[in-house]
Amino acid sequence: MPALVRFMALCAACLTGLASLAGAQPAAKYPDKPVRFVLPYGPGGVADVTTRLIAQKLSESMGQNFVIENKPGAGGILAGKAVLSASADGYTLFLSGNASAINESLFKAKPFNVLTDFTPVATLAEFEMLLATKGDSRLDTIAKLVEYANANPGKLNFGTINLGSTQNLSAELFRMVTGVNVQLVTYRTTPELVTAVIRGDIDVAFDYLAAFNPTITSNQMKVIATSGDHPNPQLPGVPIVKDSGYPAYVVTSWNALSAPIGTPPEVVAKLSQAIQAVLKLPDVKARMAGLGMEPMLGTPEQLGERMRRDIEKWRAVIDKAGIPKQ
């Protein structure tokens, strides 16, 4: 009997070793063919530019092509479905992020759930919102803005793009946190929003640095605050809303890469570590800074937790604002 027990234990150990070896093999060979990053955005935008930069660096460091496939439309559903229709082997990934968290509450029905159908791989970057006014506006601080809005309820116009976008929800959250009574106007594109500010139709606009930078440098617009957790070094002297008397107001958008559920953990770990190394490169950090972005290091587990937190955060804003589901 003792001999039989020892034999069975030896067999179990061998099976465990073989399973570990089998699990390690995909990571050892990965990547041995091109890897696709599927983006829910068109070419040329900030998300596209930064993901292409990271893909280029990964191609150099991992010795295989990392290619970008732009698949905009339907609030990221087309891109997400394309990734989930591929094998769960680490060769097709979805550019997820803050928009994915919002969409979990914005759509009545989706063909996938970003938490249960995807495996988090790595966060790429985060970027805060800018609150900007016309260049000669007297509402040049949050205190002045709130004071004027309270003294003149309903008179000020806040502008954003696209109902349900991060920009739009950040303006809604600002109204909730500060209690100001202002009109919220949405525009189809950022150029239309910028034109409205310069023309004087909009008193305060919410968008990213890349969207406003040309008009900021020409003094047609000015930034009165940013929405992040700490000041932006690209905007010296510009305060954050959090330090202007509203600690509950923090908005940081972000991009990340997610793989289909079932992707081997060893492959996820290898790719995540490679991305972390790329994000630490000085030229990558400098390029991102110029776009108003900050590399965001972290584990897949931290990415998953960030997604869960932001789903809850934006669900509360969407429900309170009464934004209709799409």
C-alpha atoms as a PDB file:
ATOM      1  CA  MET A   1       0.000   0.000   0.000  1.00  0.00           C
ATOM      2  CA  PRO A   2       2.733   2.545   0.818  1.00  0.00           C
ATOM      3  CA  ALA A   3       4.328   1.764  -2.535  1.00  0.00           C
ATOM      4  CA  LEU A   4       0.997   2.381  -4.299  1.00  0.00           C
ATOM      5  CA  VAL A   5       0.558   5.681  -2.483  1.00  0.00           C
ATOM      6  CA  ARG A   6       4.055   6.763  -3.467  1.00  0.00           C
ATOM      7  CA  PHE A   7       3.380   5.785  -7.075  1.00  0.00           C
ATOM      8  CA  MET A   8       0.139   7.772  -7.171  1.00  0.00           C
ATOM      9  CA  ALA A   9       1.846  10.804  -5.626  1.00  0.00           C
ATOM     10  CA  LEU A  10       4.608  10.559  -8.236  1.00  0.00           C
ATOM     11  CA  CYS A  11       2.014  10.424 -11.023  1.00  0.00           C
ATOM     12  CA  ALA A  12       0.230  13.464  -9.620  1.00  0.00           C
ATOM     13  CA  ALA A  13       3.503  15.368  -9.446  1.00  0.00           C
ATOM     14  CA  CYS A  14       4.289  14.458 -13.043  1.00  0.00           C
ATOM     15  CA  LEU A  15       0.878  15.586 -14.224  1.00  0.00           C
ATOM     16  CA  THR A  16       1.271  18.879 -12.362  1.00  0.00           C
ATOM     17  CA  GLY A  17       4.660  19.391 -13.950  1.00  0.00           C
ATOM     18  CA  LEU A  18       3.329  18.640 -17.417  1.00  0.00           C
ATOM     19  CA  ALA A  19       0.437  21.069 -16.889  1.00  0.00           C
ATOM     20  CA  SER A  20       2.843  23.789 -15.790  1.00  0.00           C
ATOM     21  CA  LEU A  21       5.075  23.102 -18.787  1.00  0.00           C
ATOM     22  CA  ALA A  22       2.090  23.244 -21.143  1.00  0.00           C
ATOM     23  CA  GLY A  23       0.995  26.533 -19.631  1.00  0.00           C
ATOM     24  CA  ALA A  24       4.480  27.974 -19.932  1.00  0.00           C
ATOM     25  CA  GLN A  25       4.894  27.032 -23.605  1.00  0.00           C
ATOM     26  CA  PRO A  26       2.572  29.737 -25.039  1.00  0.00           C
ATOM     27  CA  ALA A  27       4.430  32.413 -23.086  1.00  0.00           C
ATOM     28  CA  ALA A  28       7.837  31.034 -24.087  1.00  0.00           C
ATOM     29  CA  LYS A  29       6.974  31.280 -27.786  1.00  0.00           C
ATOM     30  CA  TYR A  30       4.865  34.433 -27.553  1.00  0.00           C
ATOM     31  CA  PRO A  31       4.766  36.275 -29.848  1.00  0.00           C
ATOM     32  CA  ASP A  32       5.638  34.124 -32.835  1.00  0.00           C
ATOM     33  CA  LYS A  33       3.266  35.899 -35.233  1.00  0.00           C
ATOM     34  CA  PRO A  34       1.894  39.459 -35.585  1.00  0.00           C
ATOM     35  CA  VAL A  35      -0.222  40.835 -32.739  1.00  0.00           C
ATOM     36  CA  ARG A  36      -3.290  43.008 -33.461  1.00  0.00           C
ATOM     37  CA  PHE A  37      -4.470  45.911 -31.333  1.00  0.00           C
ATOM     38  CA  VAL A  38      -8.078  46.668 -32.304  1.00  0.00           C
ATOM     39  CA  LEU A  39      -9.075  50.274 -31.570  1.00  0.00           C
ATOM     40  CA  PRO A  40     -12.661  51.557 -31.297  1.00  0.00           C
ATOM     41  CA  TYR A  41     -11.437  54.887 -32.742  1.00  0.00           C
ATOM     42  CA  GLY A  42     -10.435  56.178 -36.145  1.00  0.00           C
ATOM     43  CA  PRO A  43      -6.831  56.956 -37.115  1.00  0.00           C
ATOM     44  CA  GLY A  44      -5.125  60.184 -36.088  1.00  0.00           C
ATOM     45  CA  GLY A  45      -6.626  60.732 -32.649  1.00  0.00           C
ATOM     46  CA  VAL A  46      -4.727  60.738 -29.368  1.00  0.00           C
ATOM     47  CA  ALA A  47      -5.622  57.124 -28.565  1.00  0.00           C
ATOM     48  CA  ASP A  48      -4.533  56.024 -32.045  1.00  0.00           C
ATOM     49  CA  VAL A  49      -1.249  57.948 -31.939  1.00  0.00           C
ATOM     50  CA  THR A  50      -0.214  56.683 -28.505  1.00  0.00           C
ATOM     51  CA  THR A  51      -1.189  53.082 -29.193  1.00  0.00           C
ATOM     52  CA  ARG A  52       0.788  53.135 -32.440  1.00  0.00           C
ATOM     53  CA  LEU A  53       3.803  54.436 -30.526  1.00  0.00           C
ATOM     54  CA  ILE A  54       3.540  51.612 -28.007  1.00  0.00           C
ATOM     55  CA  ALA A  55       2.990  49.052 -30.776  1.00  0.00           C
ATOM     56  CA  GLN A  56       6.159  50.244 -32.517  1.00  0.00           C
ATOM     57  CA  LYS A  57       8.191  49.919 -29.324  1.00  0.00           C
ATOM     58  CA  LEU A  58       6.792  46.459 -28.626  1.00  0.00           C
ATOM     59  CA  SER A  59       7.697  45.380 -32.160  1.00  0.00           C
ATOM     60  CA  GLU A  60      11.266  46.447 -31.452  1.00  0.00           C
ATOM     61  CA  SER A  61      11.520  44.842 -28.019  1.00  0.00           C
ATOM     62  CA  MET A  62       9.640  41.594 -28.695  1.00  0.00           C
ATOM     63  CA  GLY A  63      10.842  40.933 -32.247  1.00  0.00           C
ATOM     64  CA  GLN A  64       7.413  40.614 -33.824  1.00  0.00           C
ATOM     65  CA  ASN A  65       5.029  43.009 -35.564  1.00  0.00           C
ATOM     66  CA  PHE A  66       2.372  44.707 -33.453  1.00  0.00           C
ATOM     67  CA  VAL A  67      -0.212  46.220 -35.790  1.00  0.00           C
ATOM     68  CA  ILE A  68      -3.112  48.617 -35.307  1.00  0.00           C
ATOM     69  CA  GLU A  69      -6.583  47.945 -36.668  1.00  0.00           C
ATOM     70  CA  ASN A  70      -8.996  50.885 -36.443  1.00  0.00           C
ATOM     71  CA  LYS A  71     -12.607  49.795 -36.044  1.00  0.00           C
ATOM     72  CA  PRO A  72     -14.670  52.780 -34.866  1.00  0.00           C
ATOM     73  CA  GLY A  73     -18.408  52.792 -34.438  1.00  0.00           C
ATOM     74  CA  ALA A  74     -21.257  51.756 -32.143  1.00  0.00           C
ATOM     75  CA  GLY A  75     -19.550  52.980 -29.000  1.00  0.00           C
ATOM     76  CA  GLY A  76     -16.737  50.443 -29.191  1.00  0.00           C
ATOM     77  CA  ILE A  77     -19.051  47.495 -29.797  1.00  0.00           C
ATOM     78  CA  LEU A  78     -17.678  46.759 -33.284  1.00  0.00           C
ATOM     79  CA  ALA A  79     -14.093  46.657 -32.027  1.00  0.00           C
ATOM     80  CA  GLY A  80     -14.991  44.604 -28.965  1.00  0.00           C
ATOM     81  CA  LYS A  81     -16.902  42.024 -31.003  1.00  0.00           C
ATOM     82  CA  ALA A  82     -13.998  41.723 -33.442  1.00  0.00           C
ATOM     83  CA  VAL A  83     -11.612  40.925 -30.597  1.00  0.00           C
ATOM     84  CA  LEU A  84     -13.959  38.417 -28.961  1.00  0.00           C
ATOM     85  CA  SER A  85     -14.432  36.614 -32.286  1.00  0.00           C
ATOM     86  CA  ALA A  86     -10.684  35.917 -32.366  1.00  0.00           C
ATOM     87  CA  SER A  87      -8.860  33.192 -30.464  1.00  0.00           C
ATOM     88  CA  ALA A  88      -8.058  33.838 -26.810  1.00  0.00           C
ATOM     89  CA  ASP A  89      -4.329  33.479 -27.377  1.00  0.00           C
ATOM     90  CA  GLY A  90      -2.943  36.991 -26.840  1.00  0.00           C
ATOM     91  CA  TYR A  91      -2.683  37.850 -30.531  1.00  0.00           C
ATOM     92  CA  THR A  92      -5.787  40.057 -30.717  1.00  0.00           C
ATOM     93  CA  LEU A  93      -6.381  42.733 -28.072  1.00  0.00           C
ATOM     94  CA  PHE A  94      -8.975  45.433 -27.478  1.00  0.00           C
ATOM     95  CA  LEU A  95      -8.163  49.044 -26.637  1.00  0.00           C
ATOM     96  CA  SER A  96     -10.477  49.493 -23.675  1.00  0.00           C
ATOM     97  CA  GLY A  97     -10.555  52.283 -21.123  1.00  0.00           C
ATOM     98  CA  ASN A  98     -12.721  54.879 -19.486  1.00  0.00           C
ATOM     99  CA  ALA A  99     -15.147  54.859 -22.425  1.00  0.00           C
ATOM    100  CA  SER A 100     -15.628  51.116 -21.908  1.00  0.00           C
ATOM    101  CA  ALA A 101     -16.543  51.745 -18.269  1.00  0.00           C
ATOM    102  CA  ILE A 102     -19.078  54.386 -19.301  1.00  0.00           C
ATOM    103  CA  ASN A 103     -20.607  52.207 -22.011  1.00  0.00           C
ATOM    104  CA  GLU A 104     -21.496  49.501 -19.491  1.00  0.00           C
ATOM    105  CA  SER A 105     -24.204  51.863 -18.212  1.00  0.00           C
ATOM    106  CA  LEU A 106     -24.867  53.907 -21.349  1.00  0.00           C
ATOM    107  CA  PHE A 107     -26.183  51.103 -23.550  1.00  0.00           C
ATOM    108  CA  LYS A 108     -29.425  49.244 -22.939  1.00  0.00           C
ATOM    109  CA  ALA A 109     -27.948  46.053 -24.356  1.00  0.00           C
ATOM    110  CA  LYS A 110     -24.414  45.100 -25.367  1.00  0.00           C
ATOM    111  CA  PRO A 111     -23.138  41.871 -26.901  1.00  0.00           C
ATOM    112  CA  PHE A 112     -20.391  41.667 -24.271  1.00  0.00           C
ATOM    113  CA  ASN A 113     -19.492  42.726 -20.747  1.00  0.00           C
ATOM    114  CA  VAL A 114     -16.105  44.385 -20.381  1.00  0.00           C
ATOM    115  CA  LEU A 115     -15.608  42.816 -16.932  1.00  0.00           C
ATOM    116  CA  THR A 116     -16.612  39.228 -17.630  1.00  0.00           C
ATOM    117  CA  ASP A 117     -15.729  38.774 -21.310  1.00  0.00           C
ATOM    118  CA  PHE A 118     -12.276  40.356 -21.246  1.00  0.00           C
ATOM    119  CA  THR A 119      -9.065  39.817 -19.318  1.00  0.00           C
ATOM    120  CA  PRO A 120      -7.228  43.005 -18.280  1.00  0.00           C
ATOM    121  CA  VAL A 121      -3.672  43.187 -19.626  1.00  0.00           C
ATOM    122  CA  ALA A 122      -2.178  46.647 -19.055  1.00  0.00           C
ATOM    123  CA  THR A 123      -3.137  50.266 -18.637  1.00  0.00           C
ATOM    124  CA  LEU A 124      -1.351  52.553 -21.083  1.00  0.00           C
ATOM    125  CA  ALA A 125      -1.973  56.164 -20.087  1.00  0.00           C
ATOM    126  CA  GLU A 126      -4.297  58.526 -18.307  1.00  0.00           C
ATOM    127  CA  PHE A 127      -5.211  62.112 -19.089  1.00  0.00           C
ATOM    128  CA  GLU A 128      -7.337  64.669 -17.324  1.00  0.00           C
ATOM    129  CA  MET A 129      -9.967  67.070 -18.526  1.00  0.00           C
ATOM    130  CA  LEU A 130      -9.297  70.766 -19.111  1.00  0.00           C
ATOM    131  CA  LEU A 131     -11.832  73.427 -18.182  1.00  0.00           C
ATOM    132  CA  ALA A 132     -11.246  76.214 -20.693  1.00  0.00           C
ATOM    133  CA  THR A 133     -12.790  79.592 -21.433  1.00  0.00           C
ATOM    134  CA  LYS A 134     -12.434  82.234 -24.098  1.00  0.00           C
ATOM    135  CA  GLY A 135      -9.065  83.964 -23.908  1.00  0.00           C
ATOM    136  CA  ASP A 136     -10.417  87.257 -22.545  1.00  0.00           C
ATOM    137  CA  SER A 137     -13.026  85.755 -20.183  1.00  0.00           C
ATOM    138  CA  ARG A 138     -13.230  87.240 -16.695  1.00  0.00           C
ATOM    139  CA  LEU A 139     -14.219  83.821 -15.334  1.00  0.00           C
ATOM    140  CA  ASP A 140     -10.593  82.845 -14.955  1.00  0.00           C
ATOM    141  CA  THR A 141     -10.816  80.813 -11.720  1.00  0.00           C
ATOM    142  CA  ILE A 142     -13.142  78.129 -10.416  1.00  0.00           C
ATOM    143  CA  ALA A 143     -14.132  80.417  -7.547  1.00  0.00           C
ATOM    144  CA  LYS A 144     -15.187  83.207  -9.930  1.00  0.00           C
ATOM    145  CA  LEU A 145     -16.990  80.726 -12.156  1.00  0.00           C
ATOM    146  CA  VAL A 146     -19.024  79.215  -9.323  1.00  0.00           C
ATOM    147  CA  GLU A 147     -19.751  82.616  -7.773  1.00  0.00           C
ATOM    148  CA  TYR A 148     -21.041  84.011 -11.082  1.00  0.00           C
ATOM    149  CA  ALA A 149     -23.075  80.885 -11.810  1.00  0.00           C
ATOM    150  CA  ASN A 150     -24.741  81.050  -8.398  1.00  0.00           C
ATOM    151  CA  ALA A 151     -25.530  84.745  -8.823  1.00  0.00           C
ATOM    152  CA  ASN A 152     -26.872  84.194 -12.339  1.00  0.00           C
ATOM    153  CA  PRO A 153     -28.611  80.783 -12.366  1.00  0.00           C
ATOM    154  CA  GLY A 154     -29.134  79.325 -15.812  1.00  0.00           C
ATOM    155  CA  LYS A 155     -27.170  82.041 -17.605  1.00  0.00           C
ATOM    156  CA  LEU A 156     -23.845  80.280 -18.218  1.00  0.00           C
ATOM    157  CA  ASN A 157     -23.334  77.679 -20.945  1.00  0.00           C
ATOM    158  CA  PHE A 158     -21.017  74.701 -20.510  1.00  0.00           C
ATOM    159  CA  GLY A 159     -19.949  72.920 -23.682  1.00  0.00           C
ATOM    160  CA  THR A 160     -18.795  69.371 -24.442  1.00  0.00           C
ATOM    161  CA  ILE A 161     -18.870  66.898 -27.279  1.00  0.00           C
ATOM    162  CA  ASN A 162     -21.216  63.911 -27.597  1.00  0.00           C
ATOM    163  CA  LEU A 163     -23.831  63.107 -24.990  1.00  0.00           C
ATOM    164  CA  GLY A 164     -22.472  60.342 -22.759  1.00  0.00           C
ATOM    165  CA  SER A 165     -18.806  60.944 -23.607  1.00  0.00           C
ATOM    166  CA  THR A 166     -16.223  61.346 -20.833  1.00  0.00           C
ATOM    167  CA  GLN A 167     -16.150  65.056 -21.624  1.00  0.00           C
ATOM    168  CA  ASN A 168     -19.913  65.306 -21.311  1.00  0.00           C
ATOM    169  CA  LEU A 169     -20.073  63.311 -18.078  1.00  0.00           C
ATOM    170  CA  SER A 170     -17.219  65.324 -16.571  1.00  0.00           C
ATOM    171  CA  ALA A 171     -19.293  68.480 -17.078  1.00  0.00           C
ATOM    172  CA  GLU A 172     -22.319  66.753 -15.548  1.00  0.00           C
ATOM    173  CA  LEU A 173     -20.219  65.718 -12.553  1.00  0.00           C
ATOM    174  CA  PHE A 174     -18.975  69.295 -12.166  1.00  0.00           C
ATOM    175  CA  ARG A 175     -22.566  70.538 -12.026  1.00  0.00           C
ATOM    176  CA  MET A 176     -23.381  67.923  -9.393  1.00  0.00           C
ATOM    177  CA  VAL A 177     -20.340  68.560  -7.209  1.00  0.00           C
ATOM    178  CA  THR A 178     -20.517  72.359  -7.288  1.00  0.00           C
ATOM    179  CA  GLY A 179     -24.307  72.658  -7.405  1.00  0.00           C
ATOM    180  CA  VAL A 180     -24.221  75.297 -10.147  1.00  0.00           C
ATOM    181  CA  ASN A 181     -27.252  75.873 -12.342  1.00  0.00           C
ATOM    182  CA  VAL A 182     -25.882  76.131 -15.887  1.00  0.00           C
ATOM    183  CA  GLN A 183     -26.947  75.029 -19.354  1.00  0.00           C
ATOM    184  CA  LEU A 184     -25.067  72.104 -20.886  1.00  0.00           C
ATOM    185  CA  VAL A 185     -24.674  72.179 -24.681  1.00  0.00           C
ATOM    186  CA  THR A 186     -23.266  69.260 -26.671  1.00  0.00           C
ATOM    187  CA  TYR A 187     -21.517  69.473 -30.037  1.00  0.00           C
ATOM    188  CA  ARG A 188     -20.832  66.805 -32.602  1.00  0.00           C
ATOM    189  CA  THR A 189     -17.100  67.511 -32.923  1.00  0.00           C
ATOM    190  CA  THR A 190     -14.317  69.199 -31.004  1.00  0.00           C
ATOM    191  CA  PRO A 191     -13.697  71.846 -33.702  1.00  0.00           C
ATOM    192  CA  GLU A 192     -17.355  72.883 -33.401  1.00  0.00           C
ATOM    193  CA  LEU A 193     -16.956  73.157 -29.626  1.00  0.00           C
ATOM    194  CA  VAL A 194     -13.785  75.225 -29.919  1.00  0.00           C
ATOM    195  CA  THR A 195     -15.424  77.567 -32.417  1.00  0.00           C
ATOM    196  CA  ALA A 196     -18.356  78.047 -30.045  1.00  0.00           C
ATOM    197  CA  VAL A 197     -16.005  79.051 -27.202  1.00  0.00           C
ATOM    198  CA  ILE A 198     -14.047  81.527 -29.317  1.00  0.00           C
ATOM    199  CA  ARG A 199     -17.285  82.970 -30.677  1.00  0.00           C
ATOM    200  CA  GLY A 200     -18.621  83.422 -27.140  1.00  0.00           C
ATOM    201  CA  ASP A 201     -21.511  80.964 -27.388  1.00  0.00           C
ATOM    202  CA  ILE A 202     -19.972  78.771 -24.681  1.00  0.00           C
ATOM    203  CA  ASP A 203     -18.566  80.068 -21.394  1.00  0.00           C
ATOM    204  CA  VAL A 204     -16.665  76.947 -20.299  1.00  0.00           C
ATOM    205  CA  ALA A 205     -15.645  73.934 -22.372  1.00  0.00           C
ATOM    206  CA  PHE A 206     -14.520  70.498 -21.178  1.00  0.00           C
ATOM    207  CA  ASP A 207     -12.050  68.523 -23.277  1.00  0.00           C
ATOM    208  CA  TYR A 208      -8.463  67.233 -23.407  1.00  0.00           C
ATOM    209  CA  LEU A 209      -5.187  69.096 -23.907  1.00  0.00           C
ATOM    210  CA  ALA A 210      -4.697  67.766 -27.422  1.00  0.00           C
ATOM    211  CA  ALA A 211      -8.081  69.203 -28.393  1.00  0.00           C
ATOM    212  CA  PHE A 212      -7.447  72.676 -26.995  1.00  0.00           C
ATOM    213  CA  ASN A 213      -3.683  73.075 -27.357  1.00  0.00           C
ATOM    214  CA  PRO A 214      -3.595  75.110 -30.613  1.00  0.00           C
ATOM    215  CA  THR A 215      -6.054  77.697 -29.288  1.00  0.00           C
ATOM    216  CA  ILE A 216      -4.359  77.795 -25.887  1.00  0.00           C
ATOM    217  CA  THR A 217      -0.964  78.599 -27.364  1.00  0.00           C
ATOM    218  CA  SER A 218      -2.549  81.327 -29.517  1.00  0.00           C
ATOM    219  CA  ASN A 219      -4.330  82.771 -26.431  1.00  0.00           C
ATOM    220  CA  GLN A 220      -7.740  82.348 -28.048  1.00  0.00           C
ATOM    221  CA  MET A 221      -8.644  80.115 -25.129  1.00  0.00           C
ATOM    222  CA  LYS A 222      -7.281  79.739 -21.609  1.00  0.00           C
ATOM    223  CA  VAL A 223      -7.345  76.877 -19.141  1.00  0.00           C
ATOM    224  CA  ILE A 224      -8.729  77.810 -15.739  1.00  0.00           C
ATOM    225  CA  ALA A 225      -8.377  74.366 -14.127  1.00  0.00           C
ATOM    226  CA  THR A 226      -7.760  70.700 -14.806  1.00  0.00           C
ATOM    227  CA  SER A 227      -9.702  67.750 -13.467  1.00  0.00           C
ATOM    228  CA  GLY A 228      -6.880  65.420 -12.414  1.00  0.00           C
ATOM    229  CA  ASP A 229      -5.584  64.336  -9.057  1.00  0.00           C
ATOM    230  CA  HIS A 230      -2.427  66.449  -9.381  1.00  0.00           C
ATOM    231  CA  PRO A 231      -1.373  69.503 -11.459  1.00  0.00           C
ATOM    232  CA  ASN A 232      -0.325  68.942 -15.049  1.00  0.00           C
ATOM    233  CA  PRO A 233       3.364  69.832 -15.560  1.00  0.00           C
ATOM    234  CA  GLN A 234       2.515  70.835 -19.131  1.00  0.00           C
ATOM    235  CA  LEU A 235       0.300  73.604 -17.709  1.00  0.00           C
ATOM    236  CA  PRO A 236       2.365  75.355 -15.030  1.00  0.00           C
ATOM    237  CA  GLY A 237       0.324  77.516 -12.706  1.00  0.00           C
ATOM    238  CA  VAL A 238      -2.999  75.955 -13.644  1.00  0.00           C
ATOM    239  CA  PRO A 239      -4.762  74.570 -10.532  1.00  0.00           C
ATOM    240  CA  ILE A 240      -6.804  71.419 -10.232  1.00  0.00           C
ATOM    241  CA  VAL A 241     -10.499  71.620  -9.390  1.00  0.00           C
ATOM    242  CA  LYS A 242      -9.868  69.334  -6.425  1.00  0.00           C
ATOM    243  CA  ASP A 243      -7.694  72.037  -4.812  1.00  0.00           C
ATOM    244  CA  SER A 244     -10.183  74.782  -5.630  1.00  0.00           C
ATOM    245  CA  GLY A 245     -12.604  73.714  -2.931  1.00  0.00           C
ATOM    246  CA  TYR A 246     -14.144  70.607  -4.550  1.00  0.00           C
ATOM    247  CA  PRO A 247     -12.159  67.533  -3.448  1.00  0.00           C
ATOM    248  CA  ALA A 248     -14.858  65.191  -4.799  1.00  0.00           C
ATOM    249  CA  TYR A 249     -14.199  66.337  -8.352  1.00  0.00           C
ATOM    250  CA  VAL A 250     -11.521  64.199  -9.980  1.00  0.00           C
ATOM    251  CA  VAL A 251     -11.833  63.002 -13.578  1.00  0.00           C
ATOM    252  CA  THR A 252      -9.056  61.128 -15.341  1.00  0.00           C
ATOM    253  CA  SER A 253      -9.698  59.308 -18.564  1.00  0.00           C
ATOM    254  CA  TRP A 254      -7.479  56.383 -19.513  1.00  0.00           C
ATOM    255  CA  ASN A 255      -6.676  53.794 -22.151  1.00  0.00           C
ATOM    256  CA  ALA A 256      -5.770  50.154 -21.646  1.00  0.00           C
ATOM    257  CA  LEU A 257      -5.403  46.849 -23.449  1.00  0.00           C
ATOM    258  CA  SER A 258      -7.655  43.883 -22.744  1.00  0.00           C
ATOM    259  CA  ALA A 259      -7.654  40.357 -24.148  1.00  0.00           C
ATOM    260  CA  PRO A 260     -10.500  37.873 -24.594  1.00  0.00           C
ATOM    261  CA  ILE A 261     -11.310  35.926 -21.446  1.00  0.00           C
ATOM    262  CA  GLY A 262      -9.417  32.642 -21.404  1.00  0.00           C
ATOM    263  CA  THR A 263      -6.141  34.086 -22.686  1.00  0.00           C
ATOM    264  CA  PRO A 264      -3.294  32.154 -20.970  1.00  0.00           C
ATOM    265  CA  PRO A 265      -2.211  34.000 -17.794  1.00  0.00           C
ATOM    266  CA  GLU A 266       1.449  33.524 -18.710  1.00  0.00           C
ATOM    267  CA  VAL A 267       0.887  35.337 -22.014  1.00  0.00           C
ATOM    268  CA  VAL A 268      -1.003  38.141 -20.269  1.00  0.00           C
ATOM    269  CA  ALA A 269       1.821  38.537 -17.751  1.00  0.00           C
ATOM    270  CA  LYS A 270       4.522  38.570 -20.436  1.00  0.00           C
ATOM    271  CA  LEU A 271       2.758  41.193 -22.529  1.00  0.00           C
ATOM    272  CA  SER A 272       1.899  43.298 -19.485  1.00  0.00           C
ATOM    273  CA  GLN A 273       5.529  43.343 -18.368  1.00  0.00           C
ATOM    274  CA  ALA A 274       6.699  44.275 -21.867  1.00  0.00           C
ATOM    275  CA  ILE A 275       4.233  47.183 -21.976  1.00  0.00           C
ATOM    276  CA  GLN A 276       5.389  48.414 -18.548  1.00  0.00           C
ATOM    277  CA  ALA A 277       8.958  48.504 -19.857  1.00  0.00           C
ATOM    278  CA  VAL A 278       7.885  50.488 -22.931  1.00  0.00           C
ATOM    279  CA  LEU A 279       5.994  53.032 -20.824  1.00  0.00           C
ATOM    280  CA  LYS A 280       9.183  53.759 -18.869  1.00  0.00           C
ATOM    281  CA  LEU A 281      11.152  54.741 -21.994  1.00  0.00           C
ATOM    282  CA  PRO A 282      12.090  58.474 -21.963  1.00  0.00           C
ATOM    283  CA  ASP A 283      10.984  59.111 -25.552  1.00  0.00           C
ATOM    284  CA  VAL A 284       7.617  57.448 -24.943  1.00  0.00           C
ATOM    285  CA  LYS A 285       7.067  59.524 -21.807  1.00  0.00           C
ATOM    286  CA  ALA A 286       8.031  62.708 -23.666  1.00  0.00           C
ATOM    287  CA  ARG A 287       5.724  61.968 -26.591  1.00  0.00           C
ATOM    288  CA  MET A 288       2.829  61.240 -24.264  1.00  0.00           C
ATOM    289  CA  ALA A 289       3.464  64.413 -22.263  1.00  0.00           C
ATOM    290  CA  GLY A 290       3.196  66.454 -25.447  1.00  0.00           C
ATOM    291  CA  LEU A 291      -0.267  64.982 -25.962  1.00  0.00           C
ATOM    292  CA  GLY A 292      -1.333  65.737 -22.392  1.00  0.00           C
ATOM    293  CA  MET A 293      -1.030  62.100 -21.325  1.00  0.00           C
ATOM    294  CA  GLU A 294       0.821  60.377 -18.518  1.00  0.00           C
ATOM    295  CA  PRO A 295       2.058  56.767 -18.713  1.00  0.00           C
ATOM    296  CA  MET A 296       0.139  54.668 -16.216  1.00  0.00           C
ATOM    297  CA  LEU A 297       2.015  51.730 -14.741  1.00  0.00           C
ATOM    298  CA  GLY A 298       0.226  48.914 -12.963  1.00  0.00           C
ATOM    299  CA  THR A 299      -0.702  45.255 -12.904  1.00  0.00           C
ATOM    300  CA  PRO A 300      -3.569  43.566 -14.748  1.00  0.00           C
ATOM    301  CA  GLU A 301      -5.297  43.198 -11.381  1.00  0.00           C
ATOM    302  CA  GLN A 302      -5.091  46.952 -10.778  1.00  0.00           C
ATOM    303  CA  LEU A 303      -6.521  47.579 -14.235  1.00  0.00           C
ATOM    304  CA  GLY A 304      -9.456  45.304 -13.478  1.00  0.00           C
ATOM    305  CA  GLU A 305     -10.127  47.128 -10.225  1.00  0.00           C
ATOM    306  CA  ARG A 306      -9.921  50.518 -11.980  1.00  0.00           C
ATOM    307  CA  MET A 307     -12.487  49.352 -14.515  1.00  0.00           C
ATOM    308  CA  ARG A 308     -14.864  48.194 -11.775  1.00  0.00           C
ATOM    309  CA  ARG A 309     -14.556  51.483  -9.862  1.00  0.00           C
ATOM    310  CA  ASP A 310     -15.167  53.620 -12.929  1.00  0.00           C
ATOM    311  CA  ILE A 311     -18.174  51.583 -14.024  1.00  0.00           C
ATOM    312  CA  GLU A 312     -19.806  52.359 -10.689  1.00  0.00           C
ATOM    313  CA  LYS A 313     -18.696  55.997 -10.734  1.00  0.00           C
ATOM    314  CA  TRP A 314     -20.108  56.783 -14.164  1.00  0.00           C
ATOM    315  CA  ARG A 315     -23.244  54.713 -13.649  1.00  0.00           C
ATOM    316  CA  ALA A 316     -24.135  57.017 -10.751  1.00  0.00           C
ATOM    317  CA  VAL A 317     -23.512  60.143 -12.864  1.00  0.00           C
ATOM    318  CA  ILE A 318     -25.508  58.794 -15.831  1.00  0.00           C
ATOM    319  CA  ASP A 319     -28.450  57.852 -13.627  1.00  0.00           C
ATOM    320  CA  LYS A 320     -28.479  61.126 -11.689  1.00  0.00           C
ATOM    321  CA  ALA A 321     -28.148  63.231 -14.842  1.00  0.00           C
ATOM    322  CA  GLY A 322     -30.973  61.294 -16.494  1.00  0.00           C
ATOM    323  CA  ILE A 323     -28.963  60.581 -19.619  1.00  0.00           C
ATOM    324  CA  PRO A 324     -31.040  58.278 -21.843  1.00  0.00           C
ATOM    325  CA  LYS A 325     -29.648  54.812 -22.549  1.00  0.00           C
ATOM    326  CA  GLN A 326     -28.667  54.158 -26.136  1.00  0.00           C
END
